[in-house]
Amino acid sequence: MKIIALAKKEAQDILTNKIYLMVVIVQVFIILGAFGLGIASSVVTDPGLLDQYGVTSSLKIGISEDLKNSTFANNLKSQNLNLIYFKNMSEANNLLGSELVAVIQVSPLPEENIVFQSDTENVFYPIISEKINNAIDRFKLEKKLESAGISNNMIEKIENPITLNEIYLNNDNPAKLAMNTSYFVEIMYGFIVPFVLLLPFFLASNIVTDSVVGERERKTFEMLLMAPISSSMVIIGKIVPIFSFSIIQSIAWAILLDVLGVPIYNFFILMVIMVFVGLGFIGVGILISMLVDSTKEANSAITLALMFATFILFMPLFTKFPYFEGILNIIPTVLIVKLASTPNIQLSLLLYLIPTILFSSLIFLLTVRYFRQERAIRL
């Protein structure tokens, strides 16, 4: 009953903390912002999506009127570029950067050298340049084949030597992705999903640190130490409320991602990972609170600890070390990415959860030890 009373007190302190409630709301905006950023960056970096959403057609390319209906102009049109023809190319150059994103000029026969200028300040500049270069490469190839005396029919066969037929499986149960592109899948599952699921525990470690240090500053820590319950029970009573709220938030954010069109697979296994990772974060927070004497010191120490943890957890997601793949698999974020992104479970992956379990258990044992030591000194 005493541990329940302690847990209730901690829960009330958390729920009446306006800053904590505000940060919870901020997390929602962070998730929505990250999702929106993933959508926007996927569209901007994918020429096919730019065409699909009609962005390319609104970007105007200036070209000489002499090239109208030419092979090169047709190649540009095949890239879904919006061509604007000019009699006077100096007029087109004057409009570059305002109405035009690029200007293309071709020297007269026989050279037919191509020069194009692009507005590098335009956010779609890389895509436009890629499309123009594709058209130029195709034009060069056609000219080489024509000079070799190859007919137009043969040129068409050479340019398209393979017919690709895509066969899709499980069409009756497709993944309900908000955007079915490789970049979107990579950015969402490769970073956003583990970040969002772990976000509440970053906050929890800070809250629990402030809670213990706050007891000292309010001169109520000695009363807590004199409570007739074991040290481990005191620690459990301290961490259960914030840990429970963090788990609830993590589940809520996973559901929100699913609603937005980022389905989370193997949800229950992921929650097991969250439990042990969360215990590790909160345990570190309590350990820090045992070693400092003021809120200012606690905030500085927990900030450094979280920066280090962020580096360890997220750096492997942006690097590739084939020779260290087995070692990297023990990083919880790597496990989260592999489990959350596919419904198929490799049982061997679950073995990599063992180091996280052992680490969290070690953190808890160290926390109990230091708490007992602090209790013995003060009493």
Protein backbone atom coordinates (compact mmCIF):
# COMPACT_ATOMS: atom_id res chain seq x y z
CA MET A 1 0.00 0.00 0.00
CA LYS A 2 2.86 2.39 0.77
CA ILE A 3 4.43 1.87 -2.63
CA ILE A 4 1.02 2.56 -4.21
CA ALA A 5 0.73 5.77 -2.19
CA LEU A 6 4.20 6.84 -3.38
CA ALA A 7 3.33 6.02 -6.99
CA LYS A 8 0.07 8.02 -6.73
CA LYS A 9 1.96 11.00 -5.35
CA GLU A 10 4.44 10.86 -8.22
CA ALA A 11 1.62 10.52 -10.75
CA GLN A 12 -0.15 13.57 -9.33
CA ASP A 13 3.06 15.59 -9.45
CA ILE A 14 3.55 14.67 -13.09
CA LEU A 15 -0.03 15.34 -14.16
CA THR A 16 -0.05 18.73 -12.42
CA ASN A 17 3.22 19.71 -14.07
CA LYS A 18 2.11 22.11 -16.80
CA ILE A 19 5.48 21.97 -18.53
CA TYR A 20 5.23 18.18 -18.86
CA LEU A 21 1.73 18.43 -20.33
CA MET A 22 2.90 21.13 -22.72
CA VAL A 23 5.83 18.97 -23.85
CA VAL A 24 3.42 16.09 -24.53
CA ILE A 25 1.45 18.38 -26.85
CA VAL A 26 4.69 19.55 -28.46
CA GLN A 27 5.51 15.90 -29.22
CA VAL A 28 2.32 15.67 -31.30
CA PHE A 29 3.43 18.66 -33.36
CA ILE A 30 6.90 17.14 -33.72
CA ILE A 31 5.39 13.92 -35.10
CA LEU A 32 3.08 15.75 -37.50
CA GLY A 33 5.94 18.01 -38.59
CA ALA A 34 8.27 15.05 -39.16
CA PHE A 35 5.58 13.28 -41.18
CA GLY A 36 4.93 16.39 -43.26
CA LEU A 37 8.65 16.85 -43.82
CA GLY A 38 8.91 13.22 -44.97
CA ILE A 39 6.07 13.77 -47.46
CA ALA A 40 7.48 17.05 -48.76
CA SER A 41 11.06 15.79 -49.11
CA SER A 42 9.82 12.63 -50.87
CA VAL A 43 7.96 14.70 -53.45
CA VAL A 44 10.82 17.14 -53.98
CA THR A 45 13.42 14.40 -54.50
CA ASP A 46 11.31 12.11 -56.70
CA PRO A 47 10.85 13.15 -60.38
CA GLY A 48 7.93 10.74 -60.75
CA LEU A 49 6.06 12.30 -57.83
CA LEU A 50 6.73 15.79 -59.17
CA ASP A 51 5.08 14.70 -62.42
CA GLN A 52 2.23 12.98 -60.57
CA TYR A 53 1.38 16.05 -58.50
CA GLY A 54 1.74 18.39 -61.46
CA VAL A 55 4.71 20.27 -60.05
CA THR A 56 6.91 19.75 -63.11
CA SER A 57 4.30 21.17 -65.48
CA SER A 58 4.29 24.42 -63.52
CA LEU A 59 8.06 24.83 -63.94
CA LYS A 60 8.83 26.56 -67.23
CA ILE A 61 11.85 25.87 -69.44
CA GLY A 62 12.87 28.43 -72.08
CA ILE A 63 13.96 27.09 -75.48
CA SER A 64 14.42 28.50 -78.97
CA GLU A 65 11.39 28.46 -81.27
CA ASP A 66 13.61 26.95 -83.99
CA LEU A 67 13.67 23.71 -81.98
CA LYS A 68 9.89 23.32 -81.96
CA ASN A 69 8.89 19.74 -82.94
CA SER A 70 12.57 18.77 -83.07
CA THR A 71 13.87 15.48 -81.70
CA PHE A 72 15.52 17.29 -78.79
CA ALA A 73 12.29 19.16 -77.93
CA ASN A 74 10.39 15.87 -77.98
CA ASN A 75 12.97 14.35 -75.63
CA LEU A 76 12.43 17.25 -73.23
CA LYS A 77 8.66 16.79 -73.45
CA SER A 78 9.09 13.08 -72.67
CA GLN A 79 10.57 14.21 -69.34
CA ASN A 80 7.27 16.07 -68.66
CA LEU A 81 8.98 19.46 -68.86
CA ASN A 82 6.92 22.55 -69.68
CA LEU A 83 8.61 24.15 -72.70
CA ILE A 84 8.19 27.83 -73.50
CA TYR A 85 9.41 28.81 -76.97
CA PHE A 86 11.16 32.12 -77.66
CA LYS A 87 12.18 33.82 -80.92
CA ASN A 88 14.71 35.92 -79.06
CA MET A 89 16.73 33.91 -76.53
CA SER A 90 18.02 37.06 -74.83
CA GLU A 91 14.43 37.59 -73.69
CA ALA A 92 14.43 34.09 -72.21
CA ASN A 93 17.70 34.79 -70.38
CA ASN A 94 16.14 37.91 -68.83
CA LEU A 95 13.27 35.81 -67.48
CA LEU A 96 15.58 33.17 -65.95
CA GLY A 97 15.05 33.09 -62.19
CA SER A 98 11.68 34.85 -62.30
CA GLU A 99 9.40 33.02 -64.75
CA LEU A 100 11.81 30.39 -66.03
CA VAL A 101 13.79 27.80 -64.05
CA ALA A 102 16.09 26.97 -66.96
CA VAL A 103 17.04 28.17 -70.43
CA ILE A 104 18.33 25.77 -73.12
CA GLN A 105 20.16 26.78 -76.26
CA VAL A 106 21.39 24.60 -79.12
CA SER A 107 23.99 25.82 -81.57
CA PRO A 108 23.24 25.47 -85.33
CA LEU A 109 24.17 22.44 -87.39
CA PRO A 110 26.47 20.64 -87.71
CA GLU A 111 27.79 21.06 -84.14
CA GLU A 112 24.44 21.22 -82.28
CA ASN A 113 26.18 21.90 -78.99
CA ILE A 114 23.78 22.21 -76.09
CA VAL A 115 24.08 24.81 -73.33
CA PHE A 116 21.54 25.18 -70.54
CA GLN A 117 21.41 27.58 -67.64
CA SER A 118 19.49 26.81 -64.46
CA ASP A 119 18.20 28.87 -61.55
CA THR A 120 20.07 27.23 -58.66
CA GLU A 121 17.97 29.11 -56.10
CA ASN A 122 14.90 27.13 -57.13
CA VAL A 123 14.20 24.23 -54.75
CA PHE A 124 13.42 21.97 -57.73
CA TYR A 125 16.72 22.77 -59.46
CA PRO A 126 18.27 19.28 -58.90
CA ILE A 127 15.24 17.51 -60.40
CA ILE A 128 15.01 19.85 -63.38
CA SER A 129 18.72 19.43 -64.06
CA GLU A 130 18.37 15.65 -63.88
CA LYS A 131 15.47 15.68 -66.35
CA ILE A 132 17.29 17.98 -68.79
CA ASN A 133 20.44 15.86 -68.60
CA ASN A 134 18.37 12.73 -69.30
CA ALA A 135 16.92 14.40 -72.39
CA ILE A 136 20.40 15.55 -73.49
CA ASP A 137 21.88 12.06 -73.03
CA ARG A 138 19.10 10.55 -75.11
CA PHE A 139 19.55 13.21 -77.80
CA LYS A 140 23.31 12.53 -77.96
CA LEU A 141 22.71 8.79 -78.25
CA GLU A 142 20.19 9.28 -81.07
CA LYS A 143 22.61 11.53 -82.96
CA LYS A 144 25.39 8.97 -82.67
CA LEU A 145 23.13 6.19 -83.90
CA GLU A 146 21.84 8.32 -86.77
CA SER A 147 25.40 9.17 -87.83
CA ALA A 148 26.10 5.41 -87.90
CA GLY A 149 23.27 4.97 -90.42
CA ILE A 150 20.87 3.15 -88.07
CA SER A 151 17.16 3.49 -88.82
CA ASN A 152 14.67 5.07 -86.45
CA ASN A 153 13.06 1.68 -85.72
CA MET A 154 16.40 0.22 -84.72
CA ILE A 155 17.17 3.29 -82.61
CA GLU A 156 13.91 2.73 -80.73
CA LYS A 157 14.86 -0.91 -80.09
CA ILE A 158 18.36 0.04 -78.92
CA GLU A 159 17.01 2.68 -76.52
CA ASN A 160 14.42 0.26 -75.11
CA PRO A 161 16.04 -3.19 -75.27
CA ILE A 162 14.10 -4.71 -72.38
CA THR A 163 10.39 -4.83 -71.61
CA LEU A 164 9.86 -4.79 -67.86
CA ASN A 165 6.78 -6.47 -66.40
CA GLU A 166 6.25 -5.97 -62.67
CA ILE A 167 4.35 -8.67 -60.80
CA TYR A 168 2.93 -7.65 -57.43
CA LEU A 169 2.18 -10.16 -54.69
CA ASN A 170 -0.36 -9.84 -51.85
CA ASN A 171 -2.41 -7.30 -53.77
CA ASP A 172 -5.38 -8.17 -51.56
CA ASN A 173 -3.50 -6.98 -48.47
CA PRO A 174 -1.11 -4.15 -49.48
CA ALA A 175 0.77 -2.04 -46.95
CA LYS A 176 -1.31 1.10 -46.34
CA LEU A 177 1.54 3.54 -46.82
CA ALA A 178 0.85 7.24 -47.10
CA MET A 179 3.40 7.40 -49.92
CA ASN A 180 4.75 4.35 -51.70
CA THR A 181 8.25 5.60 -52.51
CA SER A 182 11.65 4.31 -51.47
CA TYR A 183 12.74 7.66 -50.02
CA PHE A 184 9.58 8.00 -47.90
CA VAL A 185 9.94 4.45 -46.56
CA GLU A 186 13.63 5.01 -45.82
CA ILE A 187 13.18 8.31 -43.96
CA MET A 188 10.10 7.20 -42.00
CA TYR A 189 11.23 3.72 -40.92
CA GLY A 190 14.94 4.48 -40.93
CA PHE A 191 14.70 7.43 -38.55
CA ILE A 192 11.25 8.87 -37.75
CA VAL A 193 9.70 5.67 -36.34
CA PRO A 194 12.47 4.86 -33.80
CA PHE A 195 12.77 8.56 -32.91
CA VAL A 196 9.04 8.92 -32.27
CA LEU A 197 8.79 5.71 -30.22
CA LEU A 198 11.76 6.69 -28.03
CA LEU A 199 10.83 10.36 -27.67
CA PRO A 200 8.68 9.89 -24.52
CA PHE A 201 11.54 8.10 -22.73
CA PHE A 202 13.96 10.94 -23.44
CA LEU A 203 11.48 13.17 -21.65
CA ALA A 204 10.92 10.60 -18.88
CA SER A 205 14.60 10.47 -17.95
CA ASN A 206 14.59 14.24 -17.48
CA ILE A 207 11.38 14.23 -15.45
CA VAL A 208 12.50 11.48 -13.06
CA THR A 209 15.83 13.25 -12.54
CA ASP A 210 14.07 16.48 -11.63
CA SER A 211 11.73 14.53 -9.35
CA VAL A 212 14.52 13.10 -7.17
CA VAL A 213 16.60 16.28 -7.13
CA GLY A 214 13.44 18.25 -6.42
CA GLU A 215 12.89 16.12 -3.31
CA ARG A 216 16.30 17.25 -2.06
CA GLU A 217 15.69 20.91 -2.80
CA ARG A 218 12.29 20.76 -1.05
CA LYS A 219 13.94 19.04 1.93
CA THR A 220 11.56 16.06 1.60
CA PHE A 221 14.18 13.56 0.44
CA GLU A 222 15.01 12.51 4.04
CA MET A 223 11.32 11.74 4.64
CA LEU A 224 11.36 9.54 1.57
CA LEU A 225 14.45 7.72 2.85
CA MET A 226 12.81 7.08 6.20
CA ALA A 227 9.80 5.38 4.59
CA PRO A 228 9.48 1.80 5.98
CA ILE A 229 9.87 0.13 2.58
CA SER A 230 12.89 -1.29 0.80
CA SER A 231 15.08 0.85 -1.45
CA SER A 232 14.05 -1.08 -4.53
CA MET A 233 10.38 -0.45 -3.71
CA VAL A 234 11.03 3.26 -3.29
CA ILE A 235 12.69 3.37 -6.70
CA ILE A 236 9.85 1.38 -8.28
CA GLY A 237 7.32 3.73 -6.72
CA LYS A 238 9.25 6.64 -8.21
CA ILE A 239 9.60 5.28 -11.74
CA VAL A 240 6.31 3.41 -12.28
CA PRO A 241 4.15 6.52 -12.94
CA ILE A 242 6.50 8.24 -15.40
CA PHE A 243 7.35 4.90 -17.00
CA SER A 244 3.64 4.10 -17.45
CA PHE A 245 2.94 7.52 -18.96
CA SER A 246 5.86 7.07 -21.35
CA ILE A 247 4.65 3.66 -22.50
CA ILE A 248 1.14 5.09 -23.06
CA GLN A 249 2.61 7.94 -25.09
CA SER A 250 4.76 5.58 -27.15
CA ILE A 251 1.70 3.44 -27.93
CA ALA A 252 -0.32 6.56 -28.80
CA TRP A 253 2.40 7.83 -31.15
CA ALA A 254 2.58 4.42 -32.86
CA ILE A 255 -1.19 4.52 -33.40
CA LEU A 256 -0.92 8.09 -34.72
CA LEU A 257 1.74 7.03 -37.22
CA ASP A 258 -0.46 4.15 -38.33
CA VAL A 259 -3.38 6.56 -38.87
CA LEU A 260 -1.11 8.86 -40.89
CA GLY A 261 -0.16 5.99 -43.17
CA VAL A 262 2.98 4.58 -41.59
CA PRO A 263 1.96 1.10 -40.35
CA ILE A 264 4.01 -0.27 -37.45
CA TYR A 265 4.55 -4.04 -37.62
CA ASN A 266 5.38 -6.43 -34.75
CA PHE A 267 3.92 -3.92 -32.33
CA PHE A 268 3.99 -6.08 -29.19
CA ILE A 269 7.63 -7.07 -29.67
CA LEU A 270 8.46 -3.40 -30.16
CA MET A 271 6.73 -2.60 -26.87
CA VAL A 272 8.94 -5.17 -25.14
CA ILE A 273 11.97 -3.34 -26.53
CA MET A 274 10.46 -0.03 -25.38
CA VAL A 275 10.01 -1.39 -21.86
CA PHE A 276 13.67 -2.26 -21.43
CA VAL A 277 15.01 0.78 -23.28
CA GLY A 278 12.70 2.95 -21.19
CA LEU A 279 13.93 1.35 -17.97
CA GLY A 280 17.48 2.08 -19.07
CA PHE A 281 16.74 5.75 -19.75
CA ILE A 282 14.86 6.23 -16.48
CA GLY A 283 17.50 4.31 -14.55
CA VAL A 284 20.19 6.62 -15.91
CA GLY A 285 18.07 9.58 -14.84
CA ILE A 286 17.85 8.31 -11.26
CA LEU A 287 21.56 7.50 -11.16
CA ILE A 288 22.38 11.03 -12.21
CA SER A 289 20.03 12.40 -9.55
CA MET A 290 21.96 10.42 -6.95
CA LEU A 291 25.23 12.05 -7.98
CA VAL A 292 24.19 15.72 -8.18
CA ASP A 293 22.85 18.19 -5.63
CA SER A 294 20.89 20.73 -7.65
CA THR A 295 18.41 20.90 -10.51
CA LYS A 296 20.86 22.91 -12.59
CA GLU A 297 23.54 20.23 -12.29
CA ALA A 298 20.95 17.52 -12.97
CA ASN A 299 19.72 19.19 -16.16
CA SER A 300 23.28 19.63 -17.45
CA ALA A 301 24.21 16.03 -16.66
CA ILE A 302 21.07 14.49 -18.16
CA THR A 303 21.48 16.63 -21.29
CA LEU A 304 24.99 15.29 -21.81
CA ALA A 305 23.79 11.74 -21.16
CA LEU A 306 20.96 12.08 -23.67
CA MET A 307 23.32 13.54 -26.28
CA PHE A 308 25.61 10.55 -25.86
CA ALA A 309 22.66 8.14 -25.98
CA THR A 310 21.34 9.83 -29.13
CA PHE A 311 24.71 9.39 -30.82
CA ILE A 312 24.91 5.70 -29.86
CA LEU A 313 21.30 4.94 -30.81
CA PHE A 314 20.90 6.87 -34.06
CA MET A 315 24.35 7.05 -35.64
CA PRO A 316 24.14 3.39 -36.84
CA LEU A 317 20.97 4.29 -38.77
CA PHE A 318 22.92 6.65 -41.03
CA THR A 319 26.04 4.59 -41.56
CA LYS A 320 26.78 1.26 -43.18
CA PHE A 321 29.39 -1.08 -41.74
CA PRO A 322 28.86 -4.51 -43.36
CA TYR A 323 31.59 -6.09 -41.24
CA PHE A 324 29.95 -4.89 -38.02
CA GLU A 325 26.34 -5.75 -38.86
CA GLY A 326 26.15 -8.36 -36.10
CA ILE A 327 27.35 -5.85 -33.52
CA LEU A 328 25.06 -3.07 -34.77
CA ASN A 329 22.04 -5.36 -34.44
CA ILE A 330 22.28 -5.09 -30.65
CA ILE A 331 21.52 -1.35 -30.91
CA PRO A 332 17.81 -1.03 -30.00
CA THR A 333 17.06 1.46 -32.78
CA VAL A 334 18.40 -0.95 -35.39
CA LEU A 335 16.10 -3.66 -34.01
CA ILE A 336 13.17 -1.24 -34.03
CA VAL A 337 13.76 -0.40 -37.70
CA LYS A 338 13.97 -4.06 -38.74
CA LEU A 339 10.91 -5.13 -36.73
CA ALA A 340 8.70 -2.13 -37.43
CA SER A 341 9.18 -2.14 -41.20
CA THR A 342 8.11 -5.71 -42.03
CA PRO A 343 5.50 -8.18 -40.78
CA ASN A 344 8.00 -11.02 -41.14
CA ILE A 345 9.92 -11.77 -37.95
CA GLN A 346 13.37 -13.30 -37.95
CA LEU A 347 13.61 -15.12 -34.64
CA SER A 348 17.38 -14.65 -34.67
CA LEU A 349 16.80 -10.90 -34.31
CA LEU A 350 15.18 -11.43 -30.93
CA LEU A 351 18.49 -12.76 -29.59
CA TYR A 352 19.95 -9.29 -30.14
CA LEU A 353 17.50 -7.98 -27.53
CA ILE A 354 19.44 -9.77 -24.77
CA PRO A 355 22.15 -7.05 -24.39
CA THR A 356 19.45 -4.40 -23.95
CA ILE A 357 17.76 -6.51 -21.25
CA LEU A 358 21.06 -7.06 -19.47
CA PHE A 359 22.01 -3.38 -19.69
CA SER A 360 18.65 -2.22 -18.31
CA SER A 361 18.89 -4.76 -15.46
CA LEU A 362 22.42 -3.55 -14.66
CA ILE A 363 21.22 0.06 -14.59
CA PHE A 364 18.43 -0.86 -12.17
CA LEU A 365 20.81 -2.76 -9.87
CA LEU A 366 23.24 0.18 -9.85
CA THR A 367 20.37 2.52 -9.08
CA VAL A 368 19.27 0.42 -6.11
CA ARG A 369 22.86 0.19 -4.87
CA TYR A 370 23.47 3.94 -4.97
CA PHE A 371 20.08 4.61 -3.41
CA ARG A 372 20.88 2.25 -0.53
CA GLN A 373 24.25 3.92 -0.10
CA GLU A 374 22.63 7.36 -0.04
CA ARG A 375 20.03 6.10 2.40
CA ALA A 376 22.65 4.66 4.73
CA ILE A 377 24.70 7.88 4.70
CA ARG A 378 21.78 10.20 5.38
CA LEU A 379 20.14 8.00 8.01
